[in-house]
């Protein structure tokens, strides 16, 4: 991914927070096989953890050559930016967005580690399922676990981009922020909320 210096997201805390919030990712293998999966960030071991359906042949590429790097793409907030929102003219339309690319080698997990990875996913998205086992019983979980393949991808290269209009003038940033805030689009609302979270592109006068 091309990441000009002016749009680099540099703080590890911001990058990891982004991954944990936008955890539904695209994994691309060297052969360009791709799969969309939720991933867990293991901060301590600096890796990403997930699983494939065993019927999905993609997992075999992760096991065939452990020296090959795989690409993981995390997609963040994005939205159309109208040139009419700028104070300075002439201007052209653009698209503001945030995305993170991770590159790293992969490793297939053991059965026990795969079970632990599943529990981490439930702990994140619906922890009640680990308490009330009537819905996902231990026996049912063990049965379904035979149909999946767990894996982890080491975080070796990080490319983090936040193209949020921070290179524009203060007046232009304020115009964009105001327009996004008034927009009925859920994508625009997510985008402007993220801009406020990072304090980028919102026209703050330093």
Protein backbone atom coordinates (compact mmCIF):
# COMPACT_ATOMS: atom_id res chain seq x y z
CA UNK A 1 0.00 0.00 0.00
CA UNK A 2 1.32 3.44 -0.92
CA UNK A 3 1.49 5.51 2.28
CA UNK A 4 2.77 9.08 1.87
CA UNK A 5 4.43 10.38 5.03
CA UNK A 6 1.66 12.97 5.58
CA UNK A 7 -0.91 10.15 5.93
CA UNK A 8 1.07 7.67 8.00
CA UNK A 9 -0.52 6.39 11.18
CA UNK A 10 2.54 5.99 13.37
CA UNK A 11 1.49 5.35 16.98
CA UNK A 12 1.32 1.64 17.79
CA UNK A 13 -1.51 2.28 20.25
CA UNK A 14 -3.63 3.82 17.46
CA UNK A 15 -2.77 0.99 15.07
CA UNK A 16 -3.63 -1.75 17.54
CA UNK A 17 -6.84 0.02 18.58
CA UNK A 18 -7.82 0.20 14.90
CA UNK A 19 -7.21 -3.53 14.40
CA UNK A 20 -9.22 -4.44 17.49
CA UNK A 21 -12.14 -2.24 16.44
CA UNK A 22 -12.15 -3.18 12.74
CA UNK A 23 -11.25 -6.84 13.18
CA UNK A 24 -13.05 -8.29 10.15
CA UNK A 25 -10.14 -8.57 7.73
CA UNK A 26 -9.12 -9.86 4.31
CA UNK A 27 -6.26 -12.36 4.18
CA UNK A 28 -4.40 -12.59 0.85
CA UNK A 29 -1.91 -15.38 0.19
CA UNK A 30 1.06 -15.18 -2.20
CA UNK A 31 -1.04 -16.96 -4.87
CA UNK A 32 -3.72 -14.22 -4.42
CA UNK A 33 -6.14 -16.60 -2.74
CA UNK A 34 -8.23 -14.46 -0.37
CA UNK A 35 -10.59 -15.02 2.54
CA UNK A 36 -12.60 -12.65 4.74
CA UNK A 37 -12.39 -13.54 8.43
CA UNK A 38 -12.53 -11.96 11.90
CA UNK A 39 -9.10 -11.84 13.53
CA UNK A 40 -7.97 -11.43 17.11
CA UNK A 41 -4.95 -9.31 17.92
CA UNK A 42 -2.51 -10.92 20.35
CA UNK A 43 -0.58 -7.88 21.56
CA UNK A 44 1.74 -9.86 23.81
CA UNK A 45 2.91 -12.24 21.06
CA UNK A 46 2.64 -9.64 18.29
CA UNK A 47 0.45 -11.75 16.02
CA UNK A 48 -3.05 -12.17 14.58
CA UNK A 49 -5.16 -15.23 15.36
CA UNK A 50 -8.08 -16.65 13.39
CA UNK A 51 -9.48 -19.74 11.71
CA UNK A 52 -10.61 -21.03 8.33
CA UNK A 53 -13.36 -23.50 7.55
CA UNK A 54 -11.50 -26.75 6.91
CA UNK A 55 -13.31 -27.07 3.58
CA UNK A 56 -11.68 -23.79 2.48
CA UNK A 57 -8.43 -24.72 0.66
CA UNK A 58 -6.85 -21.38 1.61
CA UNK A 59 -5.52 -22.77 4.90
CA UNK A 60 -3.29 -25.22 3.05
CA UNK A 61 -1.24 -22.34 1.66
CA UNK A 62 -0.46 -21.26 5.20
CA UNK A 63 0.91 -24.70 6.03
CA UNK A 64 2.83 -25.42 2.82
CA UNK A 65 5.56 -22.78 3.17
CA UNK A 66 5.93 -21.12 6.57
CA UNK A 67 8.57 -18.74 5.18
CA UNK A 68 6.07 -17.02 2.86
CA UNK A 69 4.52 -13.75 3.98
CA UNK A 70 0.77 -13.26 3.78
CA UNK A 71 -1.07 -9.95 3.53
CA UNK A 72 -3.84 -9.00 5.95
CA UNK A 73 -6.00 -5.96 5.18
CA UNK A 74 -8.07 -4.18 7.83
CA UNK A 75 -10.63 -1.77 6.39
CA UNK A 76 -11.64 1.27 8.42
CA UNK A 77 -14.03 4.23 8.08
CA UNK A 78 -14.24 5.86 4.65
CA UNK A 79 -16.36 8.27 2.67
CA UNK A 80 -16.75 10.56 -0.32
CA UNK A 81 -15.49 14.14 0.16
CA UNK A 82 -17.11 16.83 -1.98
CA UNK A 83 -14.97 19.75 -3.23
CA UNK A 84 -17.89 22.04 -2.33
CA UNK A 85 -17.02 21.50 1.33
CA UNK A 86 -13.66 23.24 0.93
CA UNK A 87 -13.08 26.91 1.50
CA UNK A 88 -10.31 27.03 -1.07
CA UNK A 89 -11.14 26.65 -4.78
CA UNK A 90 -10.60 25.16 -7.29
CA UNK A 91 -10.74 21.65 -5.84
CA UNK A 92 -11.67 18.13 -6.87
CA UNK A 93 -13.66 15.30 -5.24
CA UNK A 94 -11.72 12.74 -3.22
CA UNK A 95 -12.25 9.79 -0.90
CA UNK A 96 -11.00 9.83 2.67
CA UNK A 97 -10.32 6.57 4.47
CA UNK A 98 -8.21 4.62 6.91
CA UNK A 99 -6.71 1.18 6.31
CA UNK A 100 -4.00 -1.01 7.76
CA UNK A 101 -1.97 -3.68 5.98
CA UNK A 102 -0.12 -6.36 7.95
CA UNK A 103 2.43 -8.68 6.38
CA UNK A 104 3.78 -11.76 8.09
CA UNK A 105 4.43 -15.48 8.02
CA UNK A 106 1.70 -17.90 9.07
CA UNK A 107 1.50 -20.97 11.24
CA UNK A 108 -1.27 -23.54 11.70
CA UNK A 109 -2.46 -23.89 15.31
CA UNK A 110 -2.87 -27.06 17.33
CA UNK A 111 -6.39 -28.27 18.18
CA UNK A 112 -6.12 -26.88 21.73
CA UNK A 113 -4.88 -23.50 20.50
CA UNK A 114 -7.70 -23.39 17.96
CA UNK A 115 -10.26 -23.99 20.70
CA UNK A 116 -8.68 -21.19 22.74
CA UNK A 117 -8.85 -18.89 19.69
CA UNK A 118 -12.58 -19.58 19.33
CA UNK A 119 -13.14 -18.74 22.98
CA UNK A 120 -11.23 -15.48 22.54
CA UNK A 121 -13.60 -14.54 19.70
CA UNK A 122 -16.66 -15.31 21.81
CA UNK A 123 -15.14 -13.45 24.75
CA UNK A 124 -14.80 -10.37 22.57
CA UNK A 125 -18.12 -10.39 20.73
CA UNK A 126 -20.52 -12.19 23.09
CA UNK A 127 -18.92 -13.28 26.38
CA UNK A 128 -22.27 -14.49 27.70
CA UNK A 129 -21.92 -17.52 25.44
CA UNK A 130 -19.04 -18.75 27.58
CA UNK A 131 -21.21 -18.53 30.70
CA UNK A 132 -24.52 -19.90 29.41
CA UNK A 133 -23.47 -23.10 27.70
CA UNK A 134 -27.03 -23.98 26.62
CA UNK A 135 -26.45 -22.20 23.31
CA UNK A 136 -22.86 -23.23 22.57
CA UNK A 137 -22.30 -26.35 24.65
CA UNK A 138 -18.79 -27.65 25.15
CA UNK A 139 -19.72 -30.84 23.26
CA UNK A 140 -21.17 -28.91 20.31
CA UNK A 141 -18.16 -26.61 20.22
CA UNK A 142 -15.79 -29.58 20.20
CA UNK A 143 -17.75 -31.19 17.35
CA UNK A 144 -17.66 -28.05 15.21
CA UNK A 145 -13.98 -27.49 15.98
CA UNK A 146 -13.19 -30.48 13.79
CA UNK A 147 -14.44 -28.49 10.81
CA UNK A 148 -12.08 -25.54 11.22
CA UNK A 149 -8.35 -24.87 11.06
CA UNK A 150 -6.83 -22.30 13.40
CA UNK A 151 -3.84 -20.18 12.44
CA UNK A 152 -1.73 -17.26 13.52
CA UNK A 153 0.07 -14.67 11.41
CA UNK A 154 3.08 -12.86 12.84
CA UNK A 155 3.06 -9.07 12.59
CA UNK A 156 6.28 -8.39 10.69
CA UNK A 157 5.42 -5.38 8.53
CA UNK A 158 2.82 -2.69 9.29
CA UNK A 159 1.55 -0.21 6.72
CA UNK A 160 -0.97 2.12 8.34
CA UNK A 161 -2.71 4.88 6.41
CA UNK A 162 -5.11 7.54 7.65
CA UNK A 163 -6.02 9.80 4.71
CA UNK A 164 -8.31 12.17 6.58
CA UNK A 165 -7.67 15.51 4.91
CA UNK A 166 -5.14 16.58 7.53
CA UNK A 167 -2.98 18.08 4.76
CA UNK A 168 -5.69 20.62 3.85
CA UNK A 169 -5.96 24.13 5.27
CA UNK A 170 -7.64 24.66 8.65
CA UNK A 171 -10.65 26.21 6.90
CA UNK A 172 -10.98 23.29 4.48
CA UNK A 173 -10.75 20.78 7.32
CA UNK A 174 -13.45 22.61 9.24
CA UNK A 175 -15.70 22.64 6.17
CA UNK A 176 -15.30 18.90 5.67
CA UNK A 177 -15.86 18.14 9.34
CA UNK A 178 -19.05 20.23 9.39
CA UNK A 179 -20.40 18.56 6.25
CA UNK A 180 -19.62 15.04 7.47
CA UNK A 181 -21.25 15.76 10.83
CA UNK A 182 -24.48 16.82 9.11
CA UNK A 183 -24.52 13.91 6.66
CA UNK A 184 -27.20 11.19 7.09
CA UNK A 185 -24.70 8.60 5.83
CA UNK A 186 -23.59 6.06 8.44
CA UNK A 187 -20.24 5.85 6.63
CA UNK A 188 -19.76 9.61 6.95
CA UNK A 189 -20.63 9.48 10.66
CA UNK A 190 -18.13 6.68 11.26
CA UNK A 191 -15.50 8.63 9.34
CA UNK A 192 -15.95 11.90 11.21
CA UNK A 193 -16.05 10.08 14.55
CA UNK A 194 -12.72 8.45 13.74
CA UNK A 195 -11.28 11.83 12.72
CA UNK A 196 -12.29 13.24 16.10
CA UNK A 197 -10.85 10.17 17.84
CA UNK A 198 -7.43 10.77 16.24
CA UNK A 199 -7.79 14.56 16.20
CA UNK A 200 -6.86 14.57 12.52
CA UNK A 201 -8.45 16.60 9.71
CA UNK A 202 -10.93 18.34 12.00
CA UNK A 203 -9.48 21.83 11.71
CA UNK A 204 -8.06 22.30 15.19
CA UNK A 205 -5.96 25.43 15.46
CA UNK A 206 -2.70 24.65 17.22
